[in-house]
Amino acid sequence: MKTRNTAALTLAFAGTLLMALWHPASAQATSPAPLIVRHALAQEQHAKVLTFEQAVLRLLLDKTVATHGPYQLQATEVVSQNRAFLQLAAGDLDLLSSMTSKEREAQGLPVRVCLYRGLLGVRLPIARSQRREQFESVSQLSQALALRIGQVADWPDTKVLSDNGWKVERLPRLNNFPEMLKRERIDLFALGAIEVFPIVDAQAGLSVLEQWAIAYPSAYYFFVSPHQPALAERLRRGWDMVLADGSFEALFEQWLGPQLARARLSERRWLVLKNPELPATAALNDARLWHPLVRSRLLGAQQHSP
């Protein structure tokens, strides 16, 4: 009888243990905690109406949930790009987005796929509407170089323009440019072809020029803190997947196709500049990474220039 009772107790204990192990609350307790990604995306800092960068980030992380686990995005305070890179290097920030440069690749881990397929290097000039006709007639780079152009001081674009001979007025932040144009402290300001219209549409008295563009090779990456190499590797894996299955291109067309159509880039004169700040690691020959117009009209011209 004692043996039978002992066996019964053992079976009862085993059943209770099994139920505890498979109880939903227990299963939830043993699931992996989500990866917290503290990010400072440039769009959210400079143009809150745009959310494409976060959509791309979510796409990459969603694709890798099966292999790397759940995640949670956590936006940080709005700061300048220079300060954000200092936070990234210190480990106080996990991820940001920026045009690359030699200096910035020394501060963070670049994930070398351009979010904008090279199109942030195609800059559309913005002017006061009253002066639009005056500036539309520019047909040569030498004419454009006589104009005063504004750019945000800590954007890599500022050095690119300066290195190519532009008279650059360095502005402390993006929201300074409308007033600078209206006061005629500068003649032009320039923004990427896929970001310019939502920003200018919100400004009375300003227009995007229609006849020409400033263009230089550029790559716009996610940068990861040196303290988070596993996150950088996860994003690289995500990029491999979304480039292979076409989901990134579909997302790109969904978010940015209407702006590209409005920009009419193929109909514009492109004033092509060099970008000495572009690291040699940029994969300019990988056709998957660049918009067809960038490949044919910009990267091709750079590769054949003396």
C-alpha atoms as a PDB file:
ATOM      1  CA  MET A   1       0.000   0.000   0.000  1.00  0.00           C
ATOM      2  CA  LYS A   2       2.831   2.361   0.863  1.00  0.00           C
ATOM      3  CA  THR A   3       4.477   1.741  -2.496  1.00  0.00           C
ATOM      4  CA  ARG A   4       1.198   2.360  -4.303  1.00  0.00           C
ATOM      5  CA  ASN A   5       0.665   5.671  -2.402  1.00  0.00           C
ATOM      6  CA  THR A   6       4.214   6.763  -3.131  1.00  0.00           C
ATOM      7  CA  ALA A   7       3.773   6.058  -6.831  1.00  0.00           C
ATOM      8  CA  ALA A   8       0.501   7.985  -6.871  1.00  0.00           C
ATOM      9  CA  LEU A   9       2.098  10.965  -5.194  1.00  0.00           C
ATOM     10  CA  THR A  10       4.975  10.857  -7.660  1.00  0.00           C
ATOM     11  CA  LEU A  11       2.585  10.826 -10.618  1.00  0.00           C
ATOM     12  CA  ALA A  12       0.545  13.658  -9.132  1.00  0.00           C
ATOM     13  CA  PHE A  13       3.691  15.752  -8.598  1.00  0.00           C
ATOM     14  CA  ALA A  14       4.878  15.062 -12.139  1.00  0.00           C
ATOM     15  CA  GLY A  15       1.482  16.096 -13.528  1.00  0.00           C
ATOM     16  CA  THR A  16       1.499  19.304 -11.522  1.00  0.00           C
ATOM     17  CA  LEU A  17       5.024  20.088 -12.691  1.00  0.00           C
ATOM     18  CA  LEU A  18       4.093  19.398 -16.304  1.00  0.00           C
ATOM     19  CA  MET A  19       1.076  21.691 -16.072  1.00  0.00           C
ATOM     20  CA  ALA A  20       3.208  24.429 -14.567  1.00  0.00           C
ATOM     21  CA  LEU A  21       5.778  24.111 -17.318  1.00  0.00           C
ATOM     22  CA  TRP A  22       3.152  24.363 -20.057  1.00  0.00           C
ATOM     23  CA  HIS A  23       0.938  26.947 -18.376  1.00  0.00           C
ATOM     24  CA  PRO A  24       0.665  30.082 -20.560  1.00  0.00           C
ATOM     25  CA  ALA A  25       1.901  32.314 -17.748  1.00  0.00           C
ATOM     26  CA  SER A  26       4.966  30.119 -17.338  1.00  0.00           C
ATOM     27  CA  ALA A  27       5.577  30.047 -21.099  1.00  0.00           C
ATOM     28  CA  GLN A  28       5.344  33.837 -21.200  1.00  0.00           C
ATOM     29  CA  ALA A  29       7.824  34.143 -18.374  1.00  0.00           C
ATOM     30  CA  THR A  30      10.419  32.098 -20.251  1.00  0.00           C
ATOM     31  CA  SER A  31      10.057  33.894 -23.629  1.00  0.00           C
ATOM     32  CA  PRO A  32      13.012  36.115 -24.576  1.00  0.00           C
ATOM     33  CA  ALA A  33      12.850  39.766 -23.607  1.00  0.00           C
ATOM     34  CA  PRO A  34      12.566  42.103 -26.608  1.00  0.00           C
ATOM     35  CA  LEU A  35      15.689  43.830 -27.876  1.00  0.00           C
ATOM     36  CA  ILE A  36      15.392  47.535 -27.022  1.00  0.00           C
ATOM     37  CA  VAL A  37      16.680  49.701 -29.889  1.00  0.00           C
ATOM     38  CA  ARG A  38      17.227  53.307 -28.832  1.00  0.00           C
ATOM     39  CA  HIS A  39      17.209  55.273 -32.052  1.00  0.00           C
ATOM     40  CA  ALA A  40      17.574  58.831 -33.317  1.00  0.00           C
ATOM     41  CA  LEU A  41      16.405  58.782 -36.910  1.00  0.00           C
ATOM     42  CA  ALA A  42      17.268  61.861 -38.934  1.00  0.00           C
ATOM     43  CA  GLN A  43      13.774  62.147 -40.391  1.00  0.00           C
ATOM     44  CA  GLU A  44      12.272  62.459 -36.944  1.00  0.00           C
ATOM     45  CA  GLN A  45      14.838  65.081 -36.010  1.00  0.00           C
ATOM     46  CA  HIS A  46      14.456  67.244 -39.073  1.00  0.00           C
ATOM     47  CA  ALA A  47      11.129  66.467 -40.751  1.00  0.00           C
ATOM     48  CA  LYS A  48       8.546  64.813 -38.554  1.00  0.00           C
ATOM     49  CA  VAL A  49       6.139  64.445 -41.483  1.00  0.00           C
ATOM     50  CA  LEU A  50       8.391  61.718 -42.905  1.00  0.00           C
ATOM     51  CA  THR A  51       8.539  58.246 -41.393  1.00  0.00           C
ATOM     52  CA  PHE A  52      10.158  56.196 -44.160  1.00  0.00           C
ATOM     53  CA  GLU A  53      13.328  55.479 -42.170  1.00  0.00           C
ATOM     54  CA  GLN A  54      11.403  53.934 -39.306  1.00  0.00           C
ATOM     55  CA  ALA A  55       9.410  51.853 -41.810  1.00  0.00           C
ATOM     56  CA  VAL A  56      12.690  50.500 -43.226  1.00  0.00           C
ATOM     57  CA  LEU A  57      14.072  49.796 -39.769  1.00  0.00           C
ATOM     58  CA  ARG A  58      10.934  47.877 -38.806  1.00  0.00           C
ATOM     59  CA  LEU A  59      11.075  45.911 -42.056  1.00  0.00           C
ATOM     60  CA  LEU A  60      14.651  44.773 -41.348  1.00  0.00           C
ATOM     61  CA  LEU A  61      13.905  43.873 -37.740  1.00  0.00           C
ATOM     62  CA  ASP A  62      10.624  42.127 -38.599  1.00  0.00           C
ATOM     63  CA  LYS A  63      12.410  39.950 -41.152  1.00  0.00           C
ATOM     64  CA  THR A  64      14.837  38.769 -38.486  1.00  0.00           C
ATOM     65  CA  VAL A  65      12.466  38.121 -35.576  1.00  0.00           C
ATOM     66  CA  ALA A  66      12.513  34.378 -36.286  1.00  0.00           C
ATOM     67  CA  THR A  67      16.293  34.222 -35.993  1.00  0.00           C
ATOM     68  CA  HIS A  68      17.054  37.053 -33.572  1.00  0.00           C
ATOM     69  CA  GLY A  69      13.932  37.451 -31.430  1.00  0.00           C
ATOM     70  CA  PRO A  70      11.460  40.256 -30.704  1.00  0.00           C
ATOM     71  CA  TYR A  71      12.383  43.922 -30.541  1.00  0.00           C
ATOM     72  CA  GLN A  72      11.070  47.250 -29.330  1.00  0.00           C
ATOM     73  CA  LEU A  73      11.932  50.665 -30.788  1.00  0.00           C
ATOM     74  CA  GLN A  74      12.552  53.532 -28.405  1.00  0.00           C
ATOM     75  CA  ALA A  75      12.902  57.055 -29.848  1.00  0.00           C
ATOM     76  CA  THR A  76      15.342  59.375 -28.106  1.00  0.00           C
ATOM     77  CA  GLU A  77      15.399  63.151 -27.731  1.00  0.00           C
ATOM     78  CA  VAL A  78      15.928  65.374 -30.760  1.00  0.00           C
ATOM     79  CA  VAL A  79      19.575  66.444 -30.955  1.00  0.00           C
ATOM     80  CA  SER A  80      22.000  67.624 -33.626  1.00  0.00           C
ATOM     81  CA  GLN A  81      23.681  65.031 -35.829  1.00  0.00           C
ATOM     82  CA  ASN A  82      27.073  65.738 -34.276  1.00  0.00           C
ATOM     83  CA  ARG A  83      25.731  65.183 -30.770  1.00  0.00           C
ATOM     84  CA  ALA A  84      23.869  62.052 -31.843  1.00  0.00           C
ATOM     85  CA  PHE A  85      27.111  60.545 -33.155  1.00  0.00           C
ATOM     86  CA  LEU A  86      28.837  61.325 -29.836  1.00  0.00           C
ATOM     87  CA  GLN A  87      25.999  59.512 -28.037  1.00  0.00           C
ATOM     88  CA  LEU A  88      26.328  56.608 -30.454  1.00  0.00           C
ATOM     89  CA  ALA A  89      30.077  56.295 -29.841  1.00  0.00           C
ATOM     90  CA  ALA A  90      29.533  56.427 -26.069  1.00  0.00           C
ATOM     91  CA  GLY A  91      26.846  53.733 -26.127  1.00  0.00           C
ATOM     92  CA  ASP A  92      24.082  56.089 -24.978  1.00  0.00           C
ATOM     93  CA  LEU A  93      22.311  55.544 -28.307  1.00  0.00           C
ATOM     94  CA  ASP A  94      21.998  52.318 -30.290  1.00  0.00           C
ATOM     95  CA  LEU A  95      21.149  53.479 -33.804  1.00  0.00           C
ATOM     96  CA  LEU A  96      20.861  56.573 -35.980  1.00  0.00           C
ATOM     97  CA  SER A  97      20.626  57.389 -39.673  1.00  0.00           C
ATOM     98  CA  SER A  98      22.899  59.691 -41.631  1.00  0.00           C
ATOM     99  CA  MET A  99      24.681  60.345 -44.879  1.00  0.00           C
ATOM    100  CA  THR A 100      28.016  58.618 -44.539  1.00  0.00           C
ATOM    101  CA  SER A 101      31.431  60.244 -44.469  1.00  0.00           C
ATOM    102  CA  LYS A 102      34.933  59.150 -43.514  1.00  0.00           C
ATOM    103  CA  GLU A 103      34.572  60.802 -40.118  1.00  0.00           C
ATOM    104  CA  ARG A 104      31.203  59.229 -39.365  1.00  0.00           C
ATOM    105  CA  GLU A 105      32.345  55.744 -40.289  1.00  0.00           C
ATOM    106  CA  ALA A 106      35.008  56.146 -37.610  1.00  0.00           C
ATOM    107  CA  GLN A 107      32.357  56.981 -34.994  1.00  0.00           C
ATOM    108  CA  GLY A 108      29.833  54.203 -35.556  1.00  0.00           C
ATOM    109  CA  LEU A 109      29.288  50.869 -37.278  1.00  0.00           C
ATOM    110  CA  PRO A 110      27.896  51.595 -40.773  1.00  0.00           C
ATOM    111  CA  VAL A 111      25.363  49.182 -42.237  1.00  0.00           C
ATOM    112  CA  ARG A 112      26.354  49.801 -45.841  1.00  0.00           C
ATOM    113  CA  VAL A 113      23.074  49.794 -47.732  1.00  0.00           C
ATOM    114  CA  CYS A 114      21.754  53.211 -48.764  1.00  0.00           C
ATOM    115  CA  LEU A 115      18.216  53.744 -47.453  1.00  0.00           C
ATOM    116  CA  TYR A 116      17.476  56.179 -50.278  1.00  0.00           C
ATOM    117  CA  ARG A 117      19.200  54.314 -53.121  1.00  0.00           C
ATOM    118  CA  GLY A 118      21.541  57.282 -53.671  1.00  0.00           C
ATOM    119  CA  LEU A 119      18.744  59.801 -54.179  1.00  0.00           C
ATOM    120  CA  LEU A 120      19.560  62.006 -51.194  1.00  0.00           C
ATOM    121  CA  GLY A 121      22.617  63.034 -53.178  1.00  0.00           C
ATOM    122  CA  VAL A 122      20.318  64.443 -55.851  1.00  0.00           C
ATOM    123  CA  ARG A 123      19.444  67.803 -54.274  1.00  0.00           C
ATOM    124  CA  LEU A 124      16.672  70.038 -55.553  1.00  0.00           C
ATOM    125  CA  PRO A 125      17.201  73.802 -55.154  1.00  0.00           C
ATOM    126  CA  ILE A 126      14.661  75.817 -53.157  1.00  0.00           C
ATOM    127  CA  ALA A 127      14.219  79.569 -53.673  1.00  0.00           C
ATOM    128  CA  ARG A 128      11.802  82.362 -52.906  1.00  0.00           C
ATOM    129  CA  SER A 129       8.891  82.066 -55.318  1.00  0.00           C
ATOM    130  CA  GLN A 130       9.476  85.669 -56.435  1.00  0.00           C
ATOM    131  CA  ARG A 131      13.030  84.801 -57.555  1.00  0.00           C
ATOM    132  CA  ARG A 132      12.224  81.468 -59.133  1.00  0.00           C
ATOM    133  CA  GLU A 133      12.401  82.623 -62.746  1.00  0.00           C
ATOM    134  CA  GLN A 134      15.789  84.251 -62.095  1.00  0.00           C
ATOM    135  CA  PHE A 135      17.323  80.966 -60.937  1.00  0.00           C
ATOM    136  CA  GLU A 136      15.609  78.531 -63.326  1.00  0.00           C
ATOM    137  CA  SER A 137      17.875  79.722 -66.149  1.00  0.00           C
ATOM    138  CA  VAL A 138      21.012  78.234 -64.549  1.00  0.00           C
ATOM    139  CA  SER A 139      22.486  75.766 -67.028  1.00  0.00           C
ATOM    140  CA  GLN A 140      26.148  75.463 -66.019  1.00  0.00           C
ATOM    141  CA  LEU A 141      27.839  74.680 -62.736  1.00  0.00           C
ATOM    142  CA  SER A 142      29.853  77.901 -63.027  1.00  0.00           C
ATOM    143  CA  GLN A 143      26.604  79.904 -62.931  1.00  0.00           C
ATOM    144  CA  ALA A 144      25.343  78.031 -59.897  1.00  0.00           C
ATOM    145  CA  LEU A 145      28.597  78.561 -58.006  1.00  0.00           C
ATOM    146  CA  ALA A 146      28.000  82.324 -58.112  1.00  0.00           C
ATOM    147  CA  LEU A 147      24.896  81.866 -55.924  1.00  0.00           C
ATOM    148  CA  ARG A 148      24.819  81.762 -52.121  1.00  0.00           C
ATOM    149  CA  ILE A 149      23.547  78.418 -50.911  1.00  0.00           C
ATOM    150  CA  GLY A 150      22.560  77.482 -47.376  1.00  0.00           C
ATOM    151  CA  GLN A 151      23.074  74.121 -45.714  1.00  0.00           C
ATOM    152  CA  VAL A 152      22.870  72.777 -42.173  1.00  0.00           C
ATOM    153  CA  ALA A 153      26.303  73.105 -40.605  1.00  0.00           C
ATOM    154  CA  ASP A 154      26.693  69.552 -39.296  1.00  0.00           C
ATOM    155  CA  TRP A 155      25.327  67.789 -42.387  1.00  0.00           C
ATOM    156  CA  PRO A 156      28.032  66.123 -44.546  1.00  0.00           C
ATOM    157  CA  ASP A 157      26.433  67.871 -47.548  1.00  0.00           C
ATOM    158  CA  THR A 158      27.869  71.173 -46.307  1.00  0.00           C
ATOM    159  CA  LYS A 159      31.450  70.008 -46.766  1.00  0.00           C
ATOM    160  CA  VAL A 160      30.643  68.435 -50.144  1.00  0.00           C
ATOM    161  CA  LEU A 161      29.260  71.746 -51.427  1.00  0.00           C
ATOM    162  CA  SER A 162      32.168  73.720 -49.979  1.00  0.00           C
ATOM    163  CA  ASP A 163      34.771  71.336 -51.443  1.00  0.00           C
ATOM    164  CA  ASN A 164      33.192  71.855 -54.871  1.00  0.00           C
ATOM    165  CA  GLY A 165      33.498  75.639 -54.710  1.00  0.00           C
ATOM    166  CA  TRP A 166      30.065  76.724 -53.455  1.00  0.00           C
ATOM    167  CA  LYS A 167      29.603  79.778 -51.250  1.00  0.00           C
ATOM    168  CA  VAL A 168      27.954  77.978 -48.337  1.00  0.00           C
ATOM    169  CA  GLU A 169      26.114  79.702 -45.510  1.00  0.00           C
ATOM    170  CA  ARG A 170      26.180  77.281 -42.580  1.00  0.00           C
ATOM    171  CA  LEU A 171      22.891  77.173 -40.694  1.00  0.00           C
ATOM    172  CA  PRO A 172      22.577  75.811 -37.132  1.00  0.00           C
ATOM    173  CA  ARG A 173      19.405  73.815 -37.903  1.00  0.00           C
ATOM    174  CA  LEU A 174      17.063  72.966 -40.746  1.00  0.00           C
ATOM    175  CA  ASN A 175      14.190  75.182 -39.684  1.00  0.00           C
ATOM    176  CA  ASN A 176      16.361  78.295 -40.185  1.00  0.00           C
ATOM    177  CA  PHE A 177      16.385  78.050 -43.977  1.00  0.00           C
ATOM    178  CA  PRO A 178      12.911  79.488 -44.828  1.00  0.00           C
ATOM    179  CA  GLU A 179      13.617  82.750 -43.004  1.00  0.00           C
ATOM    180  CA  MET A 180      17.113  82.974 -44.532  1.00  0.00           C
ATOM    181  CA  LEU A 181      15.596  82.666 -48.007  1.00  0.00           C
ATOM    182  CA  LYS A 182      12.840  85.169 -47.329  1.00  0.00           C
ATOM    183  CA  ARG A 183      15.345  87.724 -46.017  1.00  0.00           C
ATOM    184  CA  GLU A 184      17.592  86.974 -49.033  1.00  0.00           C
ATOM    185  CA  ARG A 185      20.502  86.125 -46.775  1.00  0.00           C
ATOM    186  CA  ILE A 186      20.906  83.136 -49.093  1.00  0.00           C
ATOM    187  CA  ASP A 187      19.777  82.575 -52.680  1.00  0.00           C
ATOM    188  CA  LEU A 188      19.116  78.849 -52.470  1.00  0.00           C
ATOM    189  CA  PHE A 189      18.740  75.963 -50.091  1.00  0.00           C
ATOM    190  CA  ALA A 190      18.820  72.347 -51.310  1.00  0.00           C
ATOM    191  CA  LEU A 191      17.207  69.153 -50.043  1.00  0.00           C
ATOM    192  CA  GLY A 192      17.107  65.601 -51.352  1.00  0.00           C
ATOM    193  CA  ALA A 193      14.684  64.802 -54.150  1.00  0.00           C
ATOM    194  CA  ILE A 194      12.750  62.382 -51.965  1.00  0.00           C
ATOM    195  CA  GLU A 195      12.351  64.724 -48.975  1.00  0.00           C
ATOM    196  CA  VAL A 196      11.999  68.235 -50.382  1.00  0.00           C
ATOM    197  CA  PHE A 197       8.315  68.534 -51.277  1.00  0.00           C
ATOM    198  CA  PRO A 198       6.633  67.804 -47.924  1.00  0.00           C
ATOM    199  CA  ILE A 199       8.979  70.323 -46.306  1.00  0.00           C
ATOM    200  CA  VAL A 200       8.599  73.110 -48.876  1.00  0.00           C
ATOM    201  CA  ASP A 201       4.853  72.585 -49.272  1.00  0.00           C
ATOM    202  CA  ALA A 202       4.509  73.686 -45.646  1.00  0.00           C
ATOM    203  CA  GLN A 203       6.293  76.998 -46.349  1.00  0.00           C
ATOM    204  CA  ALA A 204       4.419  79.899 -47.963  1.00  0.00           C
ATOM    205  CA  GLY A 205       6.400  81.893 -50.499  1.00  0.00           C
ATOM    206  CA  LEU A 206       8.984  79.214 -51.301  1.00  0.00           C
ATOM    207  CA  SER A 207       9.265  77.018 -54.400  1.00  0.00           C
ATOM    208  CA  VAL A 208      11.287  74.038 -55.574  1.00  0.00           C
ATOM    209  CA  LEU A 209      13.066  74.862 -58.838  1.00  0.00           C
ATOM    210  CA  GLU A 210      12.008  72.611 -61.731  1.00  0.00           C
ATOM    211  CA  GLN A 211      14.789  72.769 -64.328  1.00  0.00           C
ATOM    212  CA  TRP A 212      17.955  71.557 -62.609  1.00  0.00           C
ATOM    213  CA  ALA A 213      19.399  69.622 -59.684  1.00  0.00           C
ATOM    214  CA  ILE A 214      22.661  69.414 -57.774  1.00  0.00           C
ATOM    215  CA  ALA A 215      23.935  65.838 -57.745  1.00  0.00           C
ATOM    216  CA  TYR A 216      26.792  63.992 -56.075  1.00  0.00           C
ATOM    217  CA  PRO A 217      27.366  60.362 -55.111  1.00  0.00           C
ATOM    218  CA  SER A 218      26.263  59.731 -51.549  1.00  0.00           C
ATOM    219  CA  ALA A 219      25.225  56.868 -49.335  1.00  0.00           C
ATOM    220  CA  TYR A 220      22.788  57.166 -46.455  1.00  0.00           C
ATOM    221  CA  TYR A 221      23.085  54.410 -43.869  1.00  0.00           C
ATOM    222  CA  PHE A 222      21.893  53.184 -40.538  1.00  0.00           C
ATOM    223  CA  PHE A 223      24.776  53.583 -38.078  1.00  0.00           C
ATOM    224  CA  VAL A 224      24.951  51.349 -35.010  1.00  0.00           C
ATOM    225  CA  SER A 225      26.798  51.956 -31.758  1.00  0.00           C
ATOM    226  CA  PRO A 226      30.195  50.203 -31.537  1.00  0.00           C
ATOM    227  CA  HIS A 227      28.788  48.755 -28.300  1.00  0.00           C
ATOM    228  CA  GLN A 228      26.040  46.899 -30.238  1.00  0.00           C
ATOM    229  CA  PRO A 229      27.787  44.811 -32.937  1.00  0.00           C
ATOM    230  CA  ALA A 230      25.069  42.131 -32.753  1.00  0.00           C
ATOM    231  CA  LEU A 231      22.457  44.716 -33.785  1.00  0.00           C
ATOM    232  CA  ALA A 232      24.588  45.763 -36.769  1.00  0.00           C
ATOM    233  CA  GLU A 233      24.902  42.139 -37.834  1.00  0.00           C
ATOM    234  CA  ARG A 234      21.141  41.619 -37.451  1.00  0.00           C
ATOM    235  CA  LEU A 235      20.449  44.613 -39.711  1.00  0.00           C
ATOM    236  CA  ARG A 236      22.905  43.335 -42.333  1.00  0.00           C
ATOM    237  CA  ARG A 237      21.099  40.009 -42.309  1.00  0.00           C
ATOM    238  CA  GLY A 238      17.804  41.849 -42.678  1.00  0.00           C
ATOM    239  CA  TRP A 239      19.114  43.808 -45.663  1.00  0.00           C
ATOM    240  CA  ASP A 240      20.202  40.587 -47.387  1.00  0.00           C
ATOM    241  CA  MET A 241      16.671  39.269 -47.007  1.00  0.00           C
ATOM    242  CA  VAL A 242      14.740  42.353 -48.128  1.00  0.00           C
ATOM    243  CA  LEU A 243      16.976  42.966 -51.143  1.00  0.00           C
ATOM    244  CA  ALA A 244      16.544  39.355 -52.201  1.00  0.00           C
ATOM    245  CA  ASP A 245      12.763  39.134 -51.804  1.00  0.00           C
ATOM    246  CA  GLY A 246      11.948  42.585 -53.227  1.00  0.00           C
ATOM    247  CA  SER A 247      10.234  43.862 -50.079  1.00  0.00           C
ATOM    248  CA  PHE A 248      12.569  46.859 -49.702  1.00  0.00           C
ATOM    249  CA  GLU A 249      12.004  48.029 -53.262  1.00  0.00           C
ATOM    250  CA  ALA A 250       8.244  47.670 -52.765  1.00  0.00           C
ATOM    251  CA  LEU A 251       8.411  49.706 -49.549  1.00  0.00           C
ATOM    252  CA  PHE A 252      10.559  52.331 -51.276  1.00  0.00           C
ATOM    253  CA  GLU A 253       8.047  52.739 -54.108  1.00  0.00           C
ATOM    254  CA  GLN A 254       5.134  52.864 -51.680  1.00  0.00           C
ATOM    255  CA  TRP A 255       6.637  55.640 -49.574  1.00  0.00           C
ATOM    256  CA  LEU A 256       8.758  57.614 -52.027  1.00  0.00           C
ATOM    257  CA  GLY A 257       7.407  56.850 -55.498  1.00  0.00           C
ATOM    258  CA  PRO A 258       4.978  59.808 -55.519  1.00  0.00           C
ATOM    259  CA  GLN A 259       7.715  62.247 -54.528  1.00  0.00           C
ATOM    260  CA  LEU A 260      10.049  60.903 -57.205  1.00  0.00           C
ATOM    261  CA  ALA A 261       7.343  61.281 -59.830  1.00  0.00           C
ATOM    262  CA  ARG A 262       6.828  64.868 -58.760  1.00  0.00           C
ATOM    263  CA  ALA A 263      10.568  65.589 -58.865  1.00  0.00           C
ATOM    264  CA  ARG A 264      10.796  64.608 -62.572  1.00  0.00           C
ATOM    265  CA  LEU A 265      14.505  63.890 -62.178  1.00  0.00           C
ATOM    266  CA  SER A 266      14.958  62.495 -65.685  1.00  0.00           C
ATOM    267  CA  GLU A 267      13.826  65.835 -67.154  1.00  0.00           C
ATOM    268  CA  ARG A 268      16.233  67.998 -65.163  1.00  0.00           C
ATOM    269  CA  ARG A 269      19.771  69.171 -65.829  1.00  0.00           C
ATOM    270  CA  TRP A 270      22.059  67.511 -63.291  1.00  0.00           C
ATOM    271  CA  LEU A 271      24.998  69.639 -62.114  1.00  0.00           C
ATOM    272  CA  VAL A 272      27.308  66.849 -61.017  1.00  0.00           C
ATOM    273  CA  LEU A 273      29.737  67.347 -58.134  1.00  0.00           C
ATOM    274  CA  LYS A 274      32.401  65.115 -56.627  1.00  0.00           C
ATOM    275  CA  ASN A 275      32.133  63.825 -53.084  1.00  0.00           C
ATOM    276  CA  PRO A 276      35.612  63.463 -51.572  1.00  0.00           C
ATOM    277  CA  GLU A 277      34.026  62.504 -48.251  1.00  0.00           C
ATOM    278  CA  LEU A 278      32.446  59.320 -49.609  1.00  0.00           C
ATOM    279  CA  PRO A 279      34.414  56.348 -48.209  1.00  0.00           C
ATOM    280  CA  ALA A 280      35.878  53.885 -50.690  1.00  0.00           C
ATOM    281  CA  THR A 281      33.839  51.164 -48.947  1.00  0.00           C
ATOM    282  CA  ALA A 282      30.604  52.387 -50.583  1.00  0.00           C
ATOM    283  CA  ALA A 283      29.484  49.600 -52.939  1.00  0.00           C
ATOM    284  CA  LEU A 284      28.971  51.798 -56.007  1.00  0.00           C
ATOM    285  CA  ASN A 285      29.103  48.830 -58.398  1.00  0.00           C
ATOM    286  CA  ASP A 286      26.340  46.843 -56.682  1.00  0.00           C
ATOM    287  CA  ALA A 287      23.332  47.553 -58.894  1.00  0.00           C
ATOM    288  CA  ARG A 288      20.868  46.318 -56.242  1.00  0.00           C
ATOM    289  CA  LEU A 289      21.666  49.250 -53.979  1.00  0.00           C
ATOM    290  CA  TRP A 290      21.091  52.245 -56.249  1.00  0.00           C
ATOM    291  CA  HIS A 291      18.211  53.804 -58.122  1.00  0.00           C
ATOM    292  CA  PRO A 292      18.566  53.337 -61.924  1.00  0.00           C
ATOM    293  CA  LEU A 293      18.859  57.101 -62.511  1.00  0.00           C
ATOM    294  CA  VAL A 294      21.609  57.344 -59.922  1.00  0.00           C
ATOM    295  CA  ARG A 295      23.491  54.490 -61.577  1.00  0.00           C
ATOM    296  CA  SER A 296      23.227  55.869 -65.104  1.00  0.00           C
ATOM    297  CA  ARG A 297      23.501  59.624 -64.581  1.00  0.00           C
ATOM    298  CA  LEU A 298      25.629  59.954 -61.479  1.00  0.00           C
ATOM    299  CA  LEU A 299      27.688  56.906 -60.584  1.00  0.00           C
ATOM    300  CA  GLY A 300      28.550  56.213 -64.227  1.00  0.00           C
ATOM    301  CA  ALA A 301      29.715  59.788 -64.698  1.00  0.00           C
ATOM    302  CA  GLN A 302      31.866  59.594 -61.569  1.00  0.00           C
ATOM    303  CA  GLN A 303      33.534  56.352 -62.606  1.00  0.00           C
ATOM    304  CA  HIS A 304      34.481  57.757 -66.022  1.00  0.00           C
ATOM    305  CA  SER A 305      35.599  61.209 -64.828  1.00  0.00           C
ATOM    306  CA  PRO A 306      39.343  61.958 -64.808  1.00  0.00           C
END
